[in-house]
Amino acid sequence: MSKILLVDDDHLLREWLTEALCMQGHEVECAVNGIEGLAKITSFVPDIIMLDLVMPQMNSFDLLRARECVTPVIMISASDSEEDRIAGYELGADDFLAKPFSIKELLVRLQALERRLYAAPLRQPKMTVRQIPPVDFDDAAYRITIGMSSVDLTQTEFRLFKYLFERKGQVITKQELQRSVLQKDLGRFDRNLDMHISNTRRKLADISLPRNLINTVRGQGYSFIA
């Protein structure tokens, strides 16, 4: 099941959707406007974002422009205009659901996103060690060079990447990464590790490197693809 961030200013809709999604085993966090939603993308690190079109302070289009992640987005709106749908897709939304909608339809669309989110790496050709360009580490600048591309990371991102790279092909648990790299125990609601991994993947994608170099192994941890 997925971690879902629901961003909507309608109190009754938030309660209805949260209850329905939690009953299906999803973990749901809510935000009442775009500004709060943008902050929770970083703190909650969702797998999927459900985003209302019209909200106070920051609408969904502005949130899509401002976000620094490629998390799948389902936009929901009382308006089903072609112009709004096209604008959402152009800004990176993955699906558009017009209100009113049934829980059954929403769950089907979520399942379709989950299949893409979790199964896509398995459908891609398996990358072997020989196919990965040479990787160089600049420990002073926290810079990684992969082939002809370089990316600057924070100290924590750099150490996480290097730790996983040196153990490529192995599944490293979150607990081990937390203790060995972040040097503290993993708390039940601690999302710092997920946030650092998400930011590193985004920086890889920014220089046209595959985000799934760092692969999520659901229920276990992370691995560097080998």
Protein backbone atom coordinates (compact mmCIF):
# COMPACT_ATOMS: atom_id res chain seq x y z
CA MET A 1 0.00 0.00 0.00
CA SER A 2 1.06 3.59 -0.58
CA LYS A 3 1.73 6.75 1.40
CA ILE A 4 -0.75 9.28 0.04
CA LEU A 5 -0.68 13.04 0.54
CA LEU A 6 -4.18 14.52 0.14
CA VAL A 7 -4.17 18.28 -0.48
CA ASP A 8 -7.70 19.71 -0.40
CA ASP A 9 -9.41 22.55 1.47
CA ASP A 10 -12.74 20.68 1.71
CA HIS A 11 -12.95 19.32 5.26
CA LEU A 12 -15.73 16.80 4.57
CA LEU A 13 -14.01 15.46 1.45
CA ARG A 14 -10.72 15.05 3.34
CA GLU A 15 -12.45 13.04 6.07
CA TRP A 16 -14.34 10.87 3.57
CA LEU A 17 -11.29 10.11 1.45
CA THR A 18 -8.96 9.58 4.41
CA GLU A 19 -11.31 7.02 5.98
CA ALA A 20 -11.84 5.19 2.68
CA LEU A 21 -8.13 5.10 1.80
CA CYS A 22 -7.04 4.01 5.27
CA MET A 23 -9.55 1.16 5.14
CA GLN A 24 -7.69 -0.05 2.03
CA GLY A 25 -4.40 -0.03 3.95
CA HIS A 26 -2.98 3.24 2.66
CA GLU A 27 -1.20 5.72 4.93
CA VAL A 28 -2.76 9.17 4.47
CA GLU A 29 -1.52 12.63 5.42
CA CYS A 30 -3.63 15.73 4.70
CA ALA A 31 -2.93 19.36 3.89
CA VAL A 32 -5.54 22.12 3.67
CA ASN A 33 -3.82 24.35 1.11
CA GLY A 34 -1.01 24.38 -1.41
CA ILE A 35 1.59 25.93 0.89
CA GLU A 36 1.02 23.29 3.57
CA GLY A 37 0.96 20.63 0.87
CA LEU A 38 4.33 21.75 -0.49
CA ALA A 39 5.86 21.50 3.00
CA LYS A 40 4.41 18.03 3.59
CA ILE A 41 5.85 16.72 0.33
CA THR A 42 9.23 17.16 2.02
CA SER A 43 8.30 16.05 5.54
CA PHE A 44 5.94 13.16 4.70
CA VAL A 45 7.65 12.00 1.46
CA PRO A 46 4.50 10.52 -0.14
CA ASP A 47 4.36 7.86 -2.83
CA ILE A 48 1.34 9.52 -4.48
CA ILE A 49 -0.14 13.02 -4.22
CA MET A 50 -3.86 13.76 -4.57
CA LEU A 51 -4.25 17.43 -5.34
CA ASP A 52 -7.36 19.63 -5.50
CA LEU A 53 -7.33 22.16 -8.32
CA VAL A 54 -8.66 25.24 -6.50
CA MET A 55 -7.27 26.00 -3.04
CA PRO A 56 -6.49 29.10 -0.97
CA GLN A 57 -2.97 30.60 -0.78
CA MET A 58 -1.49 28.39 -3.49
CA ASN A 59 -3.47 26.53 -6.15
CA SER A 60 -2.51 23.18 -7.59
CA PHE A 61 -0.82 24.62 -10.69
CA ASP A 62 1.48 26.76 -8.53
CA LEU A 63 2.24 23.77 -6.30
CA LEU A 64 3.16 21.64 -9.32
CA ARG A 65 5.51 24.39 -10.52
CA ALA A 66 7.11 24.78 -7.10
CA ARG A 67 7.58 21.13 -6.11
CA GLU A 68 11.03 19.57 -6.37
CA CYS A 69 10.00 15.94 -6.81
CA VAL A 70 8.56 13.70 -9.50
CA THR A 71 6.03 11.99 -7.21
CA PRO A 72 2.95 10.84 -9.19
CA VAL A 73 0.01 13.26 -8.92
CA ILE A 74 -3.73 12.74 -9.30
CA MET A 75 -5.51 16.08 -9.68
CA ILE A 76 -9.12 16.28 -8.46
CA SER A 77 -11.48 19.08 -9.41
CA ALA A 78 -15.14 20.05 -9.69
CA SER A 79 -14.16 21.46 -13.07
CA ASP A 80 -13.60 19.00 -15.90
CA SER A 81 -12.53 21.53 -18.50
CA GLU A 82 -10.10 20.43 -21.18
CA GLU A 83 -8.00 23.53 -20.52
CA ASP A 84 -7.50 22.62 -16.83
CA ARG A 85 -6.68 18.99 -17.63
CA ILE A 86 -4.13 19.94 -20.27
CA ALA A 87 -2.53 22.53 -17.97
CA GLY A 88 -2.24 19.90 -15.22
CA TYR A 89 -0.67 17.33 -17.52
CA GLU A 90 1.78 19.89 -18.90
CA LEU A 91 2.92 20.64 -15.34
CA GLY A 92 3.51 16.98 -14.56
CA ALA A 93 0.19 15.61 -13.26
CA ASP A 94 -0.35 11.93 -14.05
CA ASP A 95 -4.15 11.71 -13.86
CA PHE A 96 -7.20 13.96 -13.56
CA LEU A 97 -10.35 12.98 -11.68
CA ALA A 98 -13.51 15.12 -11.88
CA LYS A 99 -15.74 15.58 -8.82
CA PRO A 100 -18.01 13.94 -7.87
CA PHE A 101 -16.30 10.57 -8.18
CA SER A 102 -16.76 7.19 -6.55
CA ILE A 103 -14.27 5.55 -4.23
CA LYS A 104 -14.26 2.56 -6.58
CA GLU A 105 -13.07 4.71 -9.49
CA LEU A 106 -10.45 6.42 -7.34
CA LEU A 107 -9.06 3.09 -6.12
CA VAL A 108 -8.80 1.78 -9.68
CA ARG A 109 -6.82 4.87 -10.71
CA LEU A 110 -4.59 4.58 -7.63
CA GLN A 111 -3.90 0.94 -8.45
CA ALA A 112 -2.93 1.91 -12.00
CA LEU A 113 -0.46 4.48 -10.62
CA GLU A 114 0.93 1.95 -8.14
CA ARG A 115 1.55 -0.56 -10.93
CA ARG A 116 3.58 2.06 -12.78
CA LEU A 117 5.31 3.23 -9.61
CA TYR A 118 6.40 -0.16 -8.29
CA ALA A 119 6.47 -2.42 -11.34
CA ALA A 120 8.16 -0.10 -13.87
CA PRO A 121 11.72 -0.87 -12.72
CA LEU A 122 11.03 -4.59 -13.15
CA ARG A 123 9.93 -4.06 -16.76
CA GLN A 124 13.06 -2.14 -17.68
CA PRO A 125 16.09 -3.99 -19.06
CA LYS A 126 18.26 -5.07 -16.16
CA MET A 127 21.29 -2.81 -15.86
CA THR A 128 24.50 -4.68 -15.15
CA VAL A 129 27.62 -3.33 -13.50
CA ARG A 130 29.29 -3.07 -16.94
CA GLN A 131 26.43 -0.86 -18.18
CA ILE A 132 26.86 1.67 -15.37
CA PRO A 133 29.40 4.31 -16.46
CA PRO A 134 32.43 4.83 -14.19
CA VAL A 135 31.51 6.52 -10.91
CA ASP A 136 33.97 8.94 -9.30
CA PHE A 137 33.57 10.43 -5.84
CA ASP A 138 34.92 13.85 -4.84
CA ASP A 139 34.85 13.55 -1.05
CA ALA A 140 35.84 17.17 -0.51
CA ALA A 141 33.16 18.75 -2.73
CA TYR A 142 30.50 16.03 -2.17
CA ARG A 143 30.35 15.70 -5.96
CA ILE A 144 29.63 12.48 -7.84
CA THR A 145 30.63 12.06 -11.47
CA ILE A 146 28.91 9.30 -13.43
CA GLY A 147 30.33 8.99 -16.93
CA MET A 148 30.27 12.54 -18.32
CA SER A 149 27.67 13.85 -15.82
CA SER A 150 28.36 15.38 -12.42
CA VAL A 151 26.01 16.16 -9.57
CA ASP A 152 26.62 18.10 -6.35
CA LEU A 153 25.05 16.59 -3.25
CA THR A 154 24.76 17.54 0.38
CA GLN A 155 27.12 15.76 2.75
CA THR A 156 24.38 13.36 3.89
CA GLU A 157 23.19 12.64 0.33
CA PHE A 158 26.79 12.01 -0.74
CA ARG A 159 27.45 9.59 2.12
CA LEU A 160 24.18 7.71 1.49
CA PHE A 161 24.93 7.36 -2.22
CA LYS A 162 28.49 6.17 -1.59
CA TYR A 163 27.40 3.72 1.12
CA LEU A 164 24.84 2.15 -1.22
CA PHE A 165 27.22 2.19 -4.21
CA GLU A 166 29.93 0.35 -2.28
CA ARG A 167 27.34 -2.36 -1.51
CA LYS A 168 25.65 -2.40 -4.93
CA GLY A 169 23.34 -5.34 -5.48
CA GLN A 170 22.72 -5.73 -1.74
CA VAL A 171 19.50 -4.66 -0.01
CA ILE A 172 20.44 -2.26 2.79
CA THR A 173 17.81 -1.82 5.46
CA LYS A 174 16.64 1.62 6.53
CA GLN A 175 17.85 0.84 10.04
CA GLU A 176 21.39 0.16 8.80
CA LEU A 177 21.46 3.32 6.67
CA GLN A 178 20.09 5.39 9.52
CA ARG A 179 22.69 4.13 11.99
CA SER A 180 25.69 3.96 9.64
CA VAL A 181 25.16 7.19 7.69
CA LEU A 182 22.81 9.41 9.69
CA GLN A 183 24.31 8.01 12.91
CA LYS A 184 21.09 7.70 14.86
CA ASP A 185 18.36 5.13 15.39
CA LEU A 186 15.38 5.06 13.03
CA GLY A 187 12.28 6.44 14.73
CA ARG A 188 8.80 5.22 13.87
CA PHE A 189 7.78 8.51 12.27
CA ASP A 190 11.25 9.58 11.12
CA ARG A 191 11.18 10.50 7.40
CA ASN A 192 14.62 12.13 7.16
CA LEU A 193 16.18 9.13 5.42
CA ASP A 194 13.39 8.94 2.84
CA MET A 195 13.70 12.68 2.24
CA HIS A 196 17.45 12.44 1.58
CA ILE A 197 16.94 9.51 -0.82
CA SER A 198 14.14 11.37 -2.63
CA ASN A 199 16.29 14.49 -3.00
CA THR A 200 19.22 12.44 -4.32
CA ARG A 201 16.98 10.75 -6.89
CA ARG A 202 15.66 14.13 -8.01
CA LYS A 203 19.21 15.42 -8.52
CA LEU A 204 20.06 12.31 -10.55
CA ALA A 205 17.00 12.89 -12.72
CA ASP A 206 18.00 16.55 -13.20
CA ILE A 207 21.15 15.42 -15.03
CA SER A 208 19.27 12.74 -17.01
CA LEU A 209 20.44 9.79 -14.91
CA PRO A 210 17.91 7.10 -13.95
CA ARG A 211 16.27 7.71 -10.57
CA ASN A 212 16.18 3.95 -9.96
CA LEU A 213 19.95 3.73 -9.64
CA ILE A 214 18.83 3.83 -6.00
CA ASN A 215 16.10 1.22 -5.93
CA THR A 216 13.39 0.95 -3.27
CA VAL A 217 12.85 -2.60 -2.02
CA ARG A 218 9.42 -2.38 -0.45
CA GLY A 219 9.27 -3.42 3.18
CA GLN A 220 13.06 -3.84 3.35
CA GLY A 221 15.13 -0.81 2.38
CA TYR A 222 17.21 0.42 -0.55
CA SER A 223 19.75 -0.97 -2.96
CA PHE A 224 22.08 0.42 -5.61
CA ILE A 225 21.16 -1.25 -8.89
CA ALA A 226 23.66 -3.84 -10.10
